[in-house]
Structures are given as C-alpha cells and as structure tokens.
Amino acid sequence: MKIRSTPTIIVSLFIFFGLAISASADSMKIAVATTCPEKDAAISQQAGRTPFFLFFDDKGNFLETVENPSMDQSRNAGPNAALFLADKGVTLVIAGDFGSKMREALEEHHIQYVKKTGAAYNAVQTIIQNR
C-alpha cells in the first residue's frame, strides 16, 4: 500500500476547501416578502411586517414558505425580521419597500435587498436571469 506524503494531503485539503468555499460563495438564498403563502403570491409592500416569507434557491426553485415571526411585533419588526432571515441563510430579500431600520439591519448581516412589485416567483426569475 502506498502512503501519500503530508504535502500532498495538505494541498488536496486546500483544493477541496477552496472549491467548497467558492461554491458556497456563488450560491444564493432568496427571501420574498409576500401577502400569501403561495409561490406566485403578490410581493408585500412592507418587508418587516409582511405576513409571509417565501424562500427560493439560487436557481429560482421554490423551497418553502414561513410565516413572518416579526409581523405582529409592536417595535423593531424590521430588525427582527432581518435577524430571522440571516439565521435562515438568506443572501437577498425582495419586497415592495424596506424601512430604514430594516435596511440597516440587512446591511449589518450582509444581506442584499431589492424593491420589486408583482408576483414573487416572477420577480425571483427576473433577478436570476439578470444576474
């Protein structure tokens, strides 16, 4: 049996982890603030107090719908929603509008945001095609 040398193993590990990191850097998880739980629901005007977030992968595939846990909060709904989205691994949020506190919180978590109207699924597909 032939045993590999330590430098070969180290180089192999660097290549493996380098590819894994670059692959994850290219992946995107998109959240869309919506008024209903269906993937073709209308985009909500309020990001922080939206009733639902729809999640899509970087290819535009619908993943899941989650009720917004911050929807009924009397204060800091936007920053709390941003934290929720960060915990879910979101890299881009789509909504009709974003309050200043939510924009600031999204930026702190390195989450991009885009203002869009129309159907959630269509907006995601447009963004992916224009990427």
C-alpha atoms as a PDB file:
ATOM      1  CA  MET A   1       0.000   0.000   0.000  1.00  0.00           C
ATOM      2  CA  LYS A   2       1.344   3.410  -0.939  1.00  0.00           C
ATOM      3  CA  ILE A   3       1.078   6.176   1.637  1.00  0.00           C
ATOM      4  CA  ARG A   4       0.680   9.749   0.432  1.00  0.00           C
ATOM      5  CA  SER A   5       3.080  12.351   1.650  1.00  0.00           C
ATOM      6  CA  THR A   6       1.970  15.069   4.041  1.00  0.00           C
ATOM      7  CA  PRO A   7       2.400  17.910   1.479  1.00  0.00           C
ATOM      8  CA  THR A   8       0.139  16.074  -0.982  1.00  0.00           C
ATOM      9  CA  ILE A   9      -2.557  15.659   1.642  1.00  0.00           C
ATOM     10  CA  ILE A  10      -2.330  19.314   2.679  1.00  0.00           C
ATOM     11  CA  VAL A  11      -2.550  20.520  -0.929  1.00  0.00           C
ATOM     12  CA  SER A  12      -5.550  18.243  -1.504  1.00  0.00           C
ATOM     13  CA  LEU A  13      -7.306  19.678   1.547  1.00  0.00           C
ATOM     14  CA  PHE A  14      -6.666  23.250   0.393  1.00  0.00           C
ATOM     15  CA  ILE A  15      -8.085  22.467  -3.039  1.00  0.00           C
ATOM     16  CA  PHE A  16     -11.140  20.733  -1.553  1.00  0.00           C
ATOM     17  CA  PHE A  17     -11.939  23.534   0.892  1.00  0.00           C
ATOM     18  CA  GLY A  18     -11.210  26.192  -1.713  1.00  0.00           C
ATOM     19  CA  LEU A  19     -13.745  24.639  -4.083  1.00  0.00           C
ATOM     20  CA  ALA A  20     -16.290  24.261  -1.291  1.00  0.00           C
ATOM     21  CA  ILE A  21     -15.930  27.912  -0.281  1.00  0.00           C
ATOM     22  CA  SER A  22     -16.158  29.207  -3.851  1.00  0.00           C
ATOM     23  CA  ALA A  23     -19.237  27.061  -4.492  1.00  0.00           C
ATOM     24  CA  SER A  24     -20.972  28.422  -1.398  1.00  0.00           C
ATOM     25  CA  ALA A  25     -19.984  31.995  -2.304  1.00  0.00           C
ATOM     26  CA  ASP A  26     -21.823  31.615  -5.611  1.00  0.00           C
ATOM     27  CA  SER A  27     -24.973  30.188  -4.029  1.00  0.00           C
ATOM     28  CA  MET A  28     -27.812  32.491  -3.182  1.00  0.00           C
ATOM     29  CA  LYS A  29     -30.859  32.052  -0.999  1.00  0.00           C
ATOM     30  CA  ILE A  30     -33.650  34.455  -1.792  1.00  0.00           C
ATOM     31  CA  ALA A  31     -36.487  35.500   0.501  1.00  0.00           C
ATOM     32  CA  VAL A  32     -39.533  37.299  -0.851  1.00  0.00           C
ATOM     33  CA  ALA A  33     -41.912  39.201   1.422  1.00  0.00           C
ATOM     34  CA  THR A  34     -45.433  38.224   0.336  1.00  0.00           C
ATOM     35  CA  THR A  35     -49.076  38.658   1.243  1.00  0.00           C
ATOM     36  CA  CYS A  36     -49.947  34.940   0.794  1.00  0.00           C
ATOM     37  CA  PRO A  37     -48.082  31.637   1.201  1.00  0.00           C
ATOM     38  CA  GLU A  38     -48.182  30.549  -2.485  1.00  0.00           C
ATOM     39  CA  LYS A  39     -45.115  30.918  -4.725  1.00  0.00           C
ATOM     40  CA  ASP A  40     -46.985  33.236  -7.110  1.00  0.00           C
ATOM     41  CA  ALA A  41     -48.265  35.470  -4.280  1.00  0.00           C
ATOM     42  CA  ALA A  42     -48.101  39.236  -4.536  1.00  0.00           C
ATOM     43  CA  ILE A  43     -44.994  40.882  -3.142  1.00  0.00           C
ATOM     44  CA  SER A  44     -45.770  42.681   0.107  1.00  0.00           C
ATOM     45  CA  GLN A  45     -45.205  46.426   0.431  1.00  0.00           C
ATOM     46  CA  GLN A  46     -43.781  46.049   3.947  1.00  0.00           C
ATOM     47  CA  ALA A  47     -40.720  43.856   4.367  1.00  0.00           C
ATOM     48  CA  GLY A  48     -40.571  43.853   8.170  1.00  0.00           C
ATOM     49  CA  ARG A  49     -44.270  43.287   8.778  1.00  0.00           C
ATOM     50  CA  THR A  50     -45.032  41.054   5.818  1.00  0.00           C
ATOM     51  CA  PRO A  51     -47.253  38.077   6.635  1.00  0.00           C
ATOM     52  CA  PHE A  52     -45.004  35.544   4.857  1.00  0.00           C
ATOM     53  CA  PHE A  53     -41.511  34.971   3.523  1.00  0.00           C
ATOM     54  CA  LEU A  54     -41.121  32.682   0.535  1.00  0.00           C
ATOM     55  CA  PHE A  55     -37.700  31.105   0.082  1.00  0.00           C
ATOM     56  CA  PHE A  56     -36.060  30.252  -3.241  1.00  0.00           C
ATOM     57  CA  ASP A  57     -32.660  28.804  -4.103  1.00  0.00           C
ATOM     58  CA  ASP A  58     -30.098  30.321  -6.484  1.00  0.00           C
ATOM     59  CA  LYS A  59     -31.744  28.578  -9.451  1.00  0.00           C
ATOM     60  CA  GLY A  60     -35.181  30.010  -8.688  1.00  0.00           C
ATOM     61  CA  ASN A  61     -36.615  26.819  -7.230  1.00  0.00           C
ATOM     62  CA  PHE A  62     -39.266  27.362  -4.588  1.00  0.00           C
ATOM     63  CA  LEU A  63     -38.099  25.921  -1.246  1.00  0.00           C
ATOM     64  CA  GLU A  64     -40.617  26.820   1.451  1.00  0.00           C
ATOM     65  CA  THR A  65     -42.977  29.377   2.946  1.00  0.00           C
ATOM     66  CA  VAL A  66     -42.595  30.588   6.526  1.00  0.00           C
ATOM     67  CA  GLU A  67     -44.851  32.920   8.462  1.00  0.00           C
ATOM     68  CA  ASN A  68     -43.001  36.059   9.490  1.00  0.00           C
ATOM     69  CA  PRO A  69     -42.361  35.785  13.253  1.00  0.00           C
ATOM     70  CA  SER A  70     -41.943  39.583  13.444  1.00  0.00           C
ATOM     71  CA  MET A  71     -45.192  40.507  11.716  1.00  0.00           C
ATOM     72  CA  ASP A  72     -47.148  41.489  14.843  1.00  0.00           C
ATOM     73  CA  GLN A  73     -44.333  42.993  16.902  1.00  0.00           C
ATOM     74  CA  SER A  74     -45.050  46.481  18.142  1.00  0.00           C
ATOM     75  CA  ARG A  75     -41.410  47.571  17.829  1.00  0.00           C
ATOM     76  CA  ASN A  76     -38.337  46.585  15.801  1.00  0.00           C
ATOM     77  CA  ALA A  77     -40.204  44.314  13.392  1.00  0.00           C
ATOM     78  CA  GLY A  78     -37.741  45.139  10.599  1.00  0.00           C
ATOM     79  CA  PRO A  79     -34.516  44.419  12.507  1.00  0.00           C
ATOM     80  CA  ASN A  80     -36.005  41.247  13.986  1.00  0.00           C
ATOM     81  CA  ALA A  81     -37.162  40.072  10.563  1.00  0.00           C
ATOM     82  CA  ALA A  82     -33.656  40.766   9.214  1.00  0.00           C
ATOM     83  CA  LEU A  83     -32.150  38.647  12.001  1.00  0.00           C
ATOM     84  CA  PHE A  84     -34.624  35.855  11.224  1.00  0.00           C
ATOM     85  CA  LEU A  85     -33.645  35.976   7.546  1.00  0.00           C
ATOM     86  CA  ALA A  86     -29.937  35.982   8.394  1.00  0.00           C
ATOM     87  CA  ASP A  87     -30.454  32.901  10.575  1.00  0.00           C
ATOM     88  CA  LYS A  88     -32.154  31.206   7.594  1.00  0.00           C
ATOM     89  CA  GLY A  89     -29.078  31.883   5.427  1.00  0.00           C
ATOM     90  CA  VAL A  90     -30.756  34.422   3.154  1.00  0.00           C
ATOM     91  CA  THR A  91     -28.476  36.467   0.890  1.00  0.00           C
ATOM     92  CA  LEU A  92     -31.127  38.538  -0.945  1.00  0.00           C
ATOM     93  CA  VAL A  93     -34.532  39.872   0.118  1.00  0.00           C
ATOM     94  CA  ILE A  94     -37.226  41.130  -2.227  1.00  0.00           C
ATOM     95  CA  ALA A  95     -40.077  43.379  -1.026  1.00  0.00           C
ATOM     96  CA  GLY A  96     -42.090  46.381  -2.132  1.00  0.00           C
ATOM     97  CA  ASP A  97     -40.352  48.626   0.385  1.00  0.00           C
ATOM     98  CA  PHE A  98     -37.930  48.479   3.316  1.00  0.00           C
ATOM     99  CA  GLY A  99     -37.943  50.666   6.399  1.00  0.00           C
ATOM    100  CA  SER A 100     -34.722  52.389   7.394  1.00  0.00           C
ATOM    101  CA  LYS A 101     -34.161  50.138  10.434  1.00  0.00           C
ATOM    102  CA  MET A 102     -34.626  47.010   8.361  1.00  0.00           C
ATOM    103  CA  ARG A 103     -32.291  48.273   5.640  1.00  0.00           C
ATOM    104  CA  GLU A 104     -29.645  48.954   8.273  1.00  0.00           C
ATOM    105  CA  ALA A 105     -30.103  45.512   9.855  1.00  0.00           C
ATOM    106  CA  LEU A 106     -29.925  43.770   6.472  1.00  0.00           C
ATOM    107  CA  GLU A 107     -26.705  45.603   5.672  1.00  0.00           C
ATOM    108  CA  GLU A 108     -25.247  44.580   9.061  1.00  0.00           C
ATOM    109  CA  HIS A 109     -25.950  40.943   8.159  1.00  0.00           C
ATOM    110  CA  HIS A 110     -24.546  41.397   4.620  1.00  0.00           C
ATOM    111  CA  ILE A 111     -27.926  40.701   3.030  1.00  0.00           C
ATOM    112  CA  GLN A 112     -28.768  42.459  -0.216  1.00  0.00           C
ATOM    113  CA  TYR A 113     -32.266  43.810  -0.795  1.00  0.00           C
ATOM    114  CA  VAL A 114     -34.267  44.769  -3.865  1.00  0.00           C
ATOM    115  CA  LYS A 115     -37.550  46.638  -4.236  1.00  0.00           C
ATOM    116  CA  LYS A 116     -39.948  44.884  -6.592  1.00  0.00           C
ATOM    117  CA  THR A 117     -43.681  44.592  -7.199  1.00  0.00           C
ATOM    118  CA  GLY A 118     -45.746  41.876  -8.815  1.00  0.00           C
ATOM    119  CA  ALA A 119     -45.680  38.123  -8.267  1.00  0.00           C
ATOM    120  CA  ALA A 120     -42.938  36.617  -6.086  1.00  0.00           C
ATOM    121  CA  TYR A 121     -41.986  33.793  -8.444  1.00  0.00           C
ATOM    122  CA  ASN A 122     -41.726  36.130 -11.459  1.00  0.00           C
ATOM    123  CA  ALA A 123     -39.555  38.600  -9.543  1.00  0.00           C
ATOM    124  CA  VAL A 124     -37.162  35.833  -8.500  1.00  0.00           C
ATOM    125  CA  GLN A 125     -36.890  34.507 -12.050  1.00  0.00           C
ATOM    126  CA  THR A 126     -36.178  38.010 -13.391  1.00  0.00           C
ATOM    127  CA  ILE A 127     -33.441  38.615 -10.825  1.00  0.00           C
ATOM    128  CA  ILE A 128     -31.795  35.268 -11.557  1.00  0.00           C
ATOM    129  CA  GLN A 129     -31.881  35.846 -15.330  1.00  0.00           C
ATOM    130  CA  ASN A 130     -30.314  39.295 -14.905  1.00  0.00           C
ATOM    131  CA  ARG A 131     -27.596  38.062 -12.555  1.00  0.00           C
END
